[in-house]
Amino acid sequence: MLQRPEKTSRTSSKPPATDSKEQREHAKPGGAKPGHDGHSRVLSTDPDAVVEHRPVACACCGASLHAALPAQLVSSCERIELPEVAPIVTQHHRLAVRCLSCGERGVAPAAARGTPFGPRVHAVATYLKTFQALSYERLQAALSDLFGLTLSQGGLMNLLRRAQGHFRPGREVAVSTLRRATVVASDETGFRIEGSNAYHWLFHSAAAVVHMASPTRGAVVVREMMDGHRPAVWISDRYTAQQGHAAEHQICLAHLARDVAYVVETSDDPVPWRLQLWLQSIFALAERVTDLAASTLSAKRRDPRAPGQDQPRARSAPGLPRLSRKGRANEQRLRAAASSDRRAAKGDQRLSRHVGRRGLGRQPHRCRYRAPHRQQPLRRHPQNYRRLNPAITSVGNYRLGMSPYFEKNIE
């Protein structure tokens, strides 16, 4: 029974913490590589305070160095510290005053209504809960340890509900922009909402990003979000619910690169290796696409429906950028692999001279027993080579057009 090799964080979406210890030990070390130019922190241009340190006595003779002597700056360093954070509590007292003329008792209007927490507390709690993904228990502890605020988990939930209303107009604008986009990328992942399984959906276009939580992973989520709009291109993985929402579908190359890396590690087939080189060249082009001129981009852009566009452009064409050393190496590997395929298609193949014998090649004594009606040994005839691989047109001294017997038996 064959088993699939275990996937790692490099060949799937699994986090690095799930890798085995052996895989982590053989992984590339982090940090700066040898020969990397170091970078230091840039000094602030407008510090809050400047402290000058002057020597008070000469280190050689011990004479006094008074403040009137000119000084020269040798070096500068900074010390950065966070200010002490404490909540500012303001109590509002409503007072009542009795009128001396009519005796009526006047009461001041309420200065503060609703929640006692201000907008900054709402902003910090929303940031820690949504962006930093803290649970209610950890959010409660963070506000208590950092700011000295004591809030119950129910109070935090009400606080986040109040803050939600301020984001609703911006979300409506983002959804409206998404429904007019021509290219939309989408993905989904599982997560937990109050102890229940749910899914976090992401929709991305050139001008808008929309996040959506849903209890289902079905295509109904996409249909509700797009509301009948069909963009020109839909970018996603190969999940079934992500199919059929646009005129054209583009497979996410990041997902494809992980799958290809997995196949390269577990197989000796040259096809995934060639595909990995092709993806690396695409990613290298994407990193510098913002620096390319408009003429270069138009020269690289191809129409898949146009005829005669299958052949790659020559690298010496005017306007195309010069490839880097890594890009040239990948190009040479691709050309070598393509040339080997062309040689195979032309019949430049040789089979072992032991193919037509009984048994397993050079070890006929290890052949297991087969019933007589299942024994179909290959004789040492040219037509047997042709039967094994139709791409072979020549074997040894036999070639098409030279032997009538060969031509008669290969068809």
Protein backbone atom coordinates (compact mmCIF):
# COMPACT_ATOMS: atom_id res chain seq x y z
CA MET A 1 0.00 0.00 0.00
CA LEU A 2 1.57 3.24 -1.11
CA GLN A 3 1.38 6.24 1.19
CA ARG A 4 1.61 9.89 0.26
CA PRO A 5 4.64 11.73 1.64
CA GLU A 6 3.92 14.12 4.44
CA LYS A 7 3.41 17.75 3.45
CA THR A 8 5.39 20.54 5.11
CA SER A 9 4.98 24.28 5.55
CA ARG A 10 6.93 24.82 2.32
CA THR A 11 4.72 22.57 0.21
CA SER A 12 1.32 23.43 1.73
CA SER A 13 -0.50 26.02 3.82
CA LYS A 14 0.50 24.33 7.10
CA PRO A 15 2.29 26.58 9.62
CA PRO A 16 6.03 25.99 10.23
CA ALA A 17 5.32 24.86 13.79
CA THR A 18 3.71 21.67 12.43
CA ASP A 19 6.93 20.54 10.70
CA SER A 20 8.83 17.70 12.27
CA LYS A 21 12.05 18.40 14.15
CA GLU A 22 14.21 16.90 11.40
CA GLN A 23 12.65 19.18 8.81
CA ARG A 24 13.17 22.24 10.99
CA GLU A 25 16.82 21.34 11.56
CA HIS A 26 17.47 21.05 7.81
CA ALA A 27 15.59 24.27 7.01
CA LYS A 28 17.45 27.38 5.95
CA PRO A 29 18.51 29.50 8.91
CA GLY A 30 16.91 32.88 9.31
CA GLY A 31 18.58 36.23 9.68
CA ALA A 32 21.10 37.99 7.50
CA LYS A 33 23.14 35.91 5.09
CA PRO A 34 26.95 36.15 4.75
CA GLY A 35 27.93 39.23 2.78
CA HIS A 36 24.74 41.11 3.61
CA ASP A 37 25.23 44.86 4.14
CA GLY A 38 24.23 45.79 7.66
CA HIS A 39 21.72 48.53 8.45
CA SER A 40 21.50 50.61 11.60
CA ARG A 41 18.63 52.62 13.03
CA VAL A 42 18.26 56.11 11.60
CA LEU A 43 18.45 58.88 14.18
CA SER A 44 15.40 61.04 14.69
CA THR A 45 15.44 64.49 13.08
CA ASP A 46 13.24 66.10 15.76
CA PRO A 47 14.03 64.58 19.16
CA ASP A 48 12.00 65.67 22.17
CA ALA A 49 15.12 66.44 24.20
CA VAL A 50 18.87 66.73 23.55
CA VAL A 51 21.43 66.07 26.29
CA GLU A 52 25.07 66.99 25.69
CA HIS A 53 27.79 65.10 27.54
CA ARG A 54 31.03 67.11 27.98
CA PRO A 55 34.22 65.94 29.59
CA VAL A 56 34.96 67.82 32.82
CA ALA A 57 38.69 67.13 33.04
CA CYS A 58 41.55 66.26 30.70
CA ALA A 59 42.29 62.57 30.64
CA CYS A 60 46.01 63.28 30.09
CA CYS A 61 46.96 65.99 32.60
CA GLY A 62 43.80 66.35 34.64
CA ALA A 63 43.28 70.05 33.82
CA SER A 64 39.73 71.39 34.02
CA LEU A 65 37.75 71.66 30.75
CA HIS A 66 35.34 74.52 31.42
CA ALA A 67 32.14 75.13 29.46
CA ALA A 68 33.53 78.10 27.50
CA LEU A 69 35.88 75.87 25.50
CA PRO A 70 34.63 74.92 22.02
CA ALA A 71 33.37 71.33 21.63
CA GLN A 72 33.16 69.01 18.65
CA LEU A 73 30.48 66.37 18.07
CA VAL A 74 31.97 62.85 18.14
CA SER A 75 28.94 60.59 18.01
CA SER A 76 25.23 60.50 18.77
CA CYS A 77 22.92 57.85 20.16
CA GLU A 78 19.31 57.76 21.22
CA ARG A 79 17.32 56.34 24.10
CA ILE A 80 13.69 55.72 23.31
CA GLU A 81 11.09 55.13 25.99
CA LEU A 82 7.34 54.85 26.04
CA PRO A 83 5.49 57.38 28.20
CA GLU A 84 3.70 56.16 31.26
CA VAL A 85 0.16 55.34 30.22
CA ALA A 86 -2.65 55.83 32.70
CA PRO A 87 -6.36 56.24 32.01
CA ILE A 88 -7.75 59.74 32.33
CA VAL A 89 -10.93 59.57 34.39
CA THR A 90 -13.24 62.58 34.28
CA GLN A 91 -16.28 62.66 36.54
CA HIS A 92 -19.25 64.77 35.53
CA HIS A 93 -21.40 66.06 38.44
CA ARG A 94 -24.92 67.25 37.73
CA LEU A 95 -25.84 70.08 40.03
CA ALA A 96 -29.26 71.45 40.99
CA VAL A 97 -29.83 75.10 41.99
CA ARG A 98 -33.05 76.58 43.50
CA CYS A 99 -34.19 79.91 42.12
CA LEU A 100 -34.50 82.70 44.70
CA SER A 101 -37.28 84.46 42.79
CA CYS A 102 -39.80 81.66 42.23
CA GLY A 103 -38.28 78.86 44.23
CA GLU A 104 -38.10 76.51 41.24
CA ARG A 105 -35.31 73.89 41.37
CA GLY A 106 -33.18 73.84 38.19
CA VAL A 107 -31.14 70.75 37.23
CA ALA A 108 -28.25 70.81 34.77
CA PRO A 109 -28.57 68.60 31.63
CA ALA A 110 -26.64 65.32 31.53
CA ALA A 111 -23.12 65.89 30.27
CA ALA A 112 -22.39 62.28 29.28
CA ARG A 113 -24.82 59.59 28.19
CA GLY A 114 -24.37 55.96 27.24
CA THR A 115 -21.01 54.25 27.54
CA PRO A 116 -18.41 55.68 29.91
CA PHE A 117 -15.56 54.81 27.52
CA GLY A 118 -14.22 57.32 25.03
CA PRO A 119 -13.31 56.90 21.33
CA ARG A 120 -9.66 56.05 22.03
CA VAL A 121 -10.65 53.10 24.21
CA HIS A 122 -12.97 51.92 21.43
CA ALA A 123 -10.17 52.27 18.86
CA VAL A 124 -7.56 50.39 20.93
CA ALA A 125 -9.95 47.56 21.79
CA THR A 126 -11.06 47.20 18.16
CA TYR A 127 -7.45 47.14 16.96
CA LEU A 128 -6.34 44.51 19.47
CA LYS A 129 -9.39 42.33 18.88
CA THR A 130 -9.54 42.41 15.05
CA PHE A 131 -6.02 43.11 13.79
CA GLN A 132 -4.05 41.36 16.55
CA ALA A 133 -6.70 38.60 16.88
CA LEU A 134 -6.80 38.56 20.67
CA SER A 135 -9.49 36.58 22.43
CA TYR A 136 -11.83 38.32 24.85
CA GLU A 137 -9.90 36.92 27.80
CA ARG A 138 -6.51 38.08 26.47
CA LEU A 139 -7.99 41.45 25.42
CA GLN A 140 -9.32 41.92 28.93
CA ALA A 141 -5.89 41.13 30.37
CA ALA A 142 -4.07 43.42 27.88
CA LEU A 143 -6.23 46.44 28.73
CA SER A 144 -5.72 45.77 32.43
CA ASP A 145 -1.93 45.30 32.23
CA LEU A 146 -1.12 48.05 29.74
CA PHE A 147 -3.64 50.77 30.61
CA GLY A 148 -5.05 49.85 33.99
CA LEU A 149 -8.58 49.51 32.62
CA THR A 150 -10.95 46.98 34.12
CA LEU A 151 -13.62 45.78 31.70
CA SER A 152 -15.78 42.68 31.73
CA GLN A 153 -15.98 40.46 28.64
CA GLY A 154 -19.61 41.46 28.18
CA GLY A 155 -18.59 45.12 28.26
CA LEU A 156 -15.92 44.45 25.64
CA MET A 157 -18.50 42.76 23.41
CA ASN A 158 -20.84 45.76 23.65
CA LEU A 159 -17.91 48.09 22.99
CA LEU A 160 -17.03 46.25 19.75
CA ARG A 161 -20.69 46.28 18.65
CA ARG A 162 -20.78 50.06 19.04
CA ALA A 163 -17.55 50.42 17.06
CA GLN A 164 -18.94 48.25 14.26
CA GLY A 165 -21.39 50.93 13.19
CA HIS A 166 -18.57 53.35 12.34
CA PHE A 167 -17.15 50.92 9.76
CA ARG A 168 -20.45 50.20 7.97
CA PRO A 169 -20.30 53.16 5.50
CA GLY A 170 -16.73 52.28 4.50
CA ARG A 171 -17.67 48.64 3.99
CA GLU A 172 -20.55 49.58 1.73
CA VAL A 173 -18.21 51.67 -0.41
CA ALA A 174 -15.70 48.80 -0.62
CA VAL A 175 -18.41 46.28 -1.62
CA SER A 176 -19.76 48.66 -4.27
CA THR A 177 -16.24 49.08 -5.69
CA LEU A 178 -15.69 45.32 -5.68
CA ARG A 179 -18.88 44.72 -7.67
CA ARG A 180 -17.57 46.96 -10.46
CA ALA A 181 -14.08 45.41 -10.67
CA THR A 182 -12.91 43.51 -13.75
CA VAL A 183 -10.39 41.31 -11.88
CA VAL A 184 -11.24 39.81 -8.48
CA ALA A 185 -9.12 37.49 -6.33
CA SER A 186 -10.74 35.39 -3.61
CA ASP A 187 -9.74 32.90 -0.92
CA GLU A 188 -11.21 31.40 2.22
CA THR A 189 -9.90 29.79 5.38
CA GLY A 190 -11.41 28.19 8.44
CA PHE A 191 -11.52 29.78 11.89
CA ARG A 192 -13.60 29.74 15.05
CA ILE A 193 -16.37 32.13 16.08
CA GLU A 194 -17.49 31.77 19.70
CA GLY A 195 -16.55 28.10 19.73
CA SER A 196 -18.17 27.21 16.39
CA ASN A 197 -16.53 26.42 13.06
CA ALA A 198 -16.79 29.21 10.49
CA TYR A 199 -14.95 30.53 7.43
CA HIS A 200 -13.17 33.79 6.75
CA TRP A 201 -13.67 34.92 3.14
CA LEU A 202 -11.48 37.49 1.40
CA PHE A 203 -12.32 39.33 -1.82
CA HIS A 204 -9.64 41.54 -3.35
CA SER A 205 -9.57 43.85 -6.35
CA ALA A 206 -7.28 46.63 -7.47
CA ALA A 207 -9.24 49.25 -5.50
CA ALA A 208 -11.00 47.38 -2.68
CA VAL A 209 -10.51 44.58 -0.14
CA VAL A 210 -13.56 43.04 1.55
CA HIS A 211 -13.48 40.58 4.47
CA MET A 212 -16.52 38.47 5.29
CA ALA A 213 -17.27 35.85 7.94
CA SER A 214 -19.68 33.07 7.06
CA PRO A 215 -20.71 29.75 8.63
CA THR A 216 -20.51 28.05 5.23
CA ARG A 217 -17.81 27.46 2.63
CA GLY A 218 -20.21 27.13 -0.29
CA ALA A 219 -20.46 29.15 -3.47
CA VAL A 220 -23.52 30.92 -2.09
CA VAL A 221 -21.15 33.26 -0.22
CA VAL A 222 -19.57 34.40 -3.50
CA ARG A 223 -22.95 34.88 -5.16
CA GLU A 224 -24.22 36.99 -2.27
CA MET A 225 -21.09 39.12 -2.27
CA MET A 226 -20.96 39.74 -6.03
CA ASP A 227 -24.76 40.20 -6.34
CA GLY A 228 -24.92 39.13 -9.97
CA HIS A 229 -21.72 40.89 -11.12
CA ARG A 230 -19.41 38.73 -13.25
CA PRO A 231 -15.88 40.13 -13.55
CA ALA A 232 -13.65 39.38 -16.53
CA VAL A 233 -11.12 37.33 -14.50
CA TRP A 234 -11.52 35.44 -11.23
CA ILE A 235 -8.32 34.49 -9.35
CA SER A 236 -8.52 31.69 -6.79
CA ASP A 237 -7.39 28.18 -5.99
CA ARG A 238 -8.97 25.08 -7.52
CA TYR A 239 -11.70 24.75 -4.92
CA THR A 240 -15.06 23.94 -6.54
CA ALA A 241 -16.95 26.78 -4.86
CA GLN A 242 -14.53 29.29 -6.43
CA GLN A 243 -15.28 28.20 -10.00
CA GLY A 244 -17.66 29.71 -12.54
CA HIS A 245 -17.95 33.26 -11.19
CA ALA A 246 -16.28 35.10 -14.09
CA ALA A 247 -15.68 34.86 -17.81
CA GLU A 248 -12.12 33.58 -17.27
CA HIS A 249 -10.50 31.82 -14.32
CA GLN A 250 -6.87 32.24 -13.25
CA ILE A 251 -5.45 29.68 -10.82
CA CYS A 252 -3.61 31.28 -7.91
CA LEU A 253 0.07 30.79 -8.62
CA ALA A 254 0.98 30.82 -4.92
CA HIS A 255 -1.19 27.73 -4.34
CA LEU A 256 0.16 26.15 -7.50
CA ALA A 257 3.79 26.82 -6.49
CA ARG A 258 3.28 24.95 -3.20
CA ASP A 259 1.75 21.98 -5.01
CA VAL A 260 4.59 21.95 -7.53
CA ALA A 261 7.20 22.09 -4.75
CA TYR A 262 5.54 19.09 -3.14
CA VAL A 263 5.62 17.10 -6.40
CA VAL A 264 9.27 18.06 -7.04
CA GLU A 265 10.29 16.73 -3.62
CA THR A 266 8.38 13.46 -3.98
CA SER A 267 8.83 12.63 -7.68
CA ASP A 268 11.59 12.28 -10.26
CA ASP A 269 9.40 13.47 -13.12
CA PRO A 270 11.03 16.42 -14.96
CA VAL A 271 7.68 18.07 -15.75
CA PRO A 272 7.07 19.57 -12.27
CA TRP A 273 10.70 20.70 -12.16
CA ARG A 274 10.25 22.60 -15.43
CA LEU A 275 7.00 24.08 -14.11
CA GLN A 276 8.79 25.22 -10.96
CA LEU A 277 11.41 27.04 -13.04
CA TRP A 278 8.66 28.68 -15.06
CA LEU A 279 6.90 29.86 -11.88
CA GLN A 280 10.16 31.25 -10.51
CA SER A 281 10.63 33.30 -13.67
CA ILE A 282 7.07 34.61 -13.32
CA PHE A 283 7.60 35.61 -9.69
CA ALA A 284 10.89 37.31 -10.60
CA LEU A 285 9.08 39.29 -13.29
CA ALA A 286 6.30 40.24 -10.86
CA GLU A 287 8.83 41.69 -8.40
CA ARG A 288 10.16 44.16 -10.97
CA VAL A 289 7.01 44.75 -13.02
CA THR A 290 6.47 48.14 -11.37
CA ASP A 291 9.88 49.30 -12.63
CA LEU A 292 9.31 48.30 -16.27
CA ALA A 293 8.39 50.80 -18.92
CA ALA A 294 5.00 50.75 -20.62
CA SER A 295 6.56 49.61 -23.92
CA THR A 296 8.23 46.67 -22.16
CA LEU A 297 4.97 45.62 -20.54
CA SER A 298 3.12 45.77 -23.84
CA ALA A 299 5.85 43.68 -25.46
CA LYS A 300 5.60 41.03 -22.75
CA ARG A 301 1.81 40.93 -22.71
CA ARG A 302 0.35 38.24 -24.92
CA ASP A 303 -3.17 37.50 -26.11
CA PRO A 304 -3.90 33.78 -25.64
CA ARG A 305 -6.50 33.85 -28.43
CA ALA A 306 -4.15 35.40 -31.00
CA PRO A 307 -2.45 32.94 -33.39
CA GLY A 308 1.31 32.72 -33.61
CA GLN A 309 1.89 33.77 -30.00
CA ASP A 310 3.12 30.44 -28.69
CA GLN A 311 6.75 31.09 -29.53
CA PRO A 312 8.63 33.16 -26.92
CA ARG A 313 10.18 36.42 -27.99
CA ALA A 314 13.89 36.63 -28.51
CA ARG A 315 15.83 38.07 -25.61
CA SER A 316 17.73 40.36 -27.93
CA ALA A 317 14.57 42.19 -29.02
CA PRO A 318 14.74 45.95 -28.39
CA GLY A 319 12.95 47.17 -25.30
CA LEU A 320 13.21 43.90 -23.33
CA PRO A 321 15.23 44.08 -20.10
CA ARG A 322 18.37 42.05 -19.62
CA LEU A 323 17.86 38.96 -17.50
CA SER A 324 19.75 38.51 -14.26
CA ARG A 325 22.19 35.64 -13.73
CA LYS A 326 19.48 33.56 -12.04
CA GLY A 327 17.03 34.35 -14.83
CA ARG A 328 19.54 33.33 -17.50
CA ALA A 329 20.25 30.07 -15.67
CA ASN A 330 16.55 29.25 -15.48
CA GLU A 331 16.19 30.08 -19.17
CA GLN A 332 19.03 27.72 -20.07
CA ARG A 333 17.47 24.92 -17.99
CA LEU A 334 14.13 25.37 -19.72
CA ARG A 335 15.77 25.31 -23.15
CA ALA A 336 17.73 22.16 -22.27
CA ALA A 337 14.58 20.41 -21.08
CA ALA A 338 12.68 21.50 -24.21
CA SER A 339 15.47 20.28 -26.49
CA SER A 340 15.45 16.87 -24.80
CA ASP A 341 11.70 16.65 -25.45
CA ARG A 342 12.23 17.50 -29.10
CA ARG A 343 14.91 14.82 -29.41
CA ALA A 344 12.55 12.31 -27.85
CA ALA A 345 9.80 13.25 -30.30
CA LYS A 346 12.18 12.72 -33.24
CA GLY A 347 12.97 9.18 -32.13
CA ASP A 348 16.35 9.77 -30.53
CA GLN A 349 15.75 7.05 -27.95
CA ARG A 350 17.46 3.77 -27.24
CA LEU A 351 15.97 0.82 -25.39
CA SER A 352 17.91 -1.86 -23.57
CA ARG A 353 18.86 -4.90 -25.62
CA HIS A 354 17.32 -7.04 -22.88
CA VAL A 355 13.78 -5.70 -23.41
CA GLY A 356 12.68 -8.59 -25.62
CA ARG A 357 13.87 -11.32 -23.25
CA ARG A 358 11.85 -13.19 -20.73
CA GLY A 359 12.10 -11.95 -17.17
CA LEU A 360 13.01 -8.56 -15.81
CA GLY A 361 15.71 -7.16 -18.07
CA ARG A 362 19.16 -8.37 -17.05
CA GLN A 363 17.84 -10.70 -14.33
CA PRO A 364 15.59 -13.25 -16.04
CA HIS A 365 15.94 -15.71 -13.14
CA ARG A 366 13.96 -13.34 -10.91
CA CYS A 367 10.87 -13.36 -13.09
CA ARG A 368 7.79 -14.49 -11.16
CA TYR A 369 5.69 -17.30 -12.55
CA ARG A 370 2.84 -16.38 -14.91
CA ALA A 371 0.15 -18.59 -16.30
CA PRO A 372 0.73 -19.66 -19.91
CA HIS A 373 -2.18 -17.61 -21.21
CA ARG A 374 -0.68 -14.50 -19.55
CA GLN A 375 2.83 -14.92 -20.87
CA GLN A 376 3.40 -12.43 -23.70
CA PRO A 377 7.15 -12.11 -24.07
CA LEU A 378 8.53 -9.47 -26.41
CA ARG A 379 10.79 -10.82 -29.13
CA ARG A 380 13.84 -8.98 -30.32
CA HIS A 381 12.19 -7.48 -33.36
CA PRO A 382 12.00 -3.84 -34.37
CA GLN A 383 8.21 -3.79 -34.16
CA ASN A 384 8.42 -4.54 -30.44
CA TYR A 385 10.37 -1.35 -29.89
CA ARG A 386 7.69 0.51 -31.78
CA ARG A 387 5.00 -1.05 -29.63
CA LEU A 388 6.70 0.16 -26.47
CA ASN A 389 6.98 3.75 -27.66
CA PRO A 390 5.33 5.02 -30.87
CA ALA A 391 7.70 8.02 -30.90
CA ILE A 392 10.62 5.75 -31.86
CA THR A 393 11.18 5.78 -35.60
CA SER A 394 14.64 4.24 -35.63
CA VAL A 395 16.21 1.42 -33.64
CA GLY A 396 19.79 0.53 -34.35
CA ASN A 397 20.22 0.02 -38.09
CA TYR A 398 16.46 -0.20 -38.76
CA ARG A 399 14.87 2.98 -40.07
CA LEU A 400 11.63 3.83 -41.79
CA GLY A 401 11.93 3.44 -45.56
CA MET A 402 14.85 0.98 -45.37
CA SER A 403 13.11 -2.30 -44.49
CA PRO A 404 9.68 -3.34 -45.85
CA TYR A 405 9.41 -5.82 -42.97
CA PHE A 406 9.91 -3.04 -40.44
CA GLU A 407 7.30 -0.77 -42.06
CA LYS A 408 4.83 -3.58 -42.32
CA ASN A 409 4.94 -4.57 -38.68
CA ILE A 410 5.10 -1.21 -36.94
CA GLU A 411 1.61 -0.17 -38.02
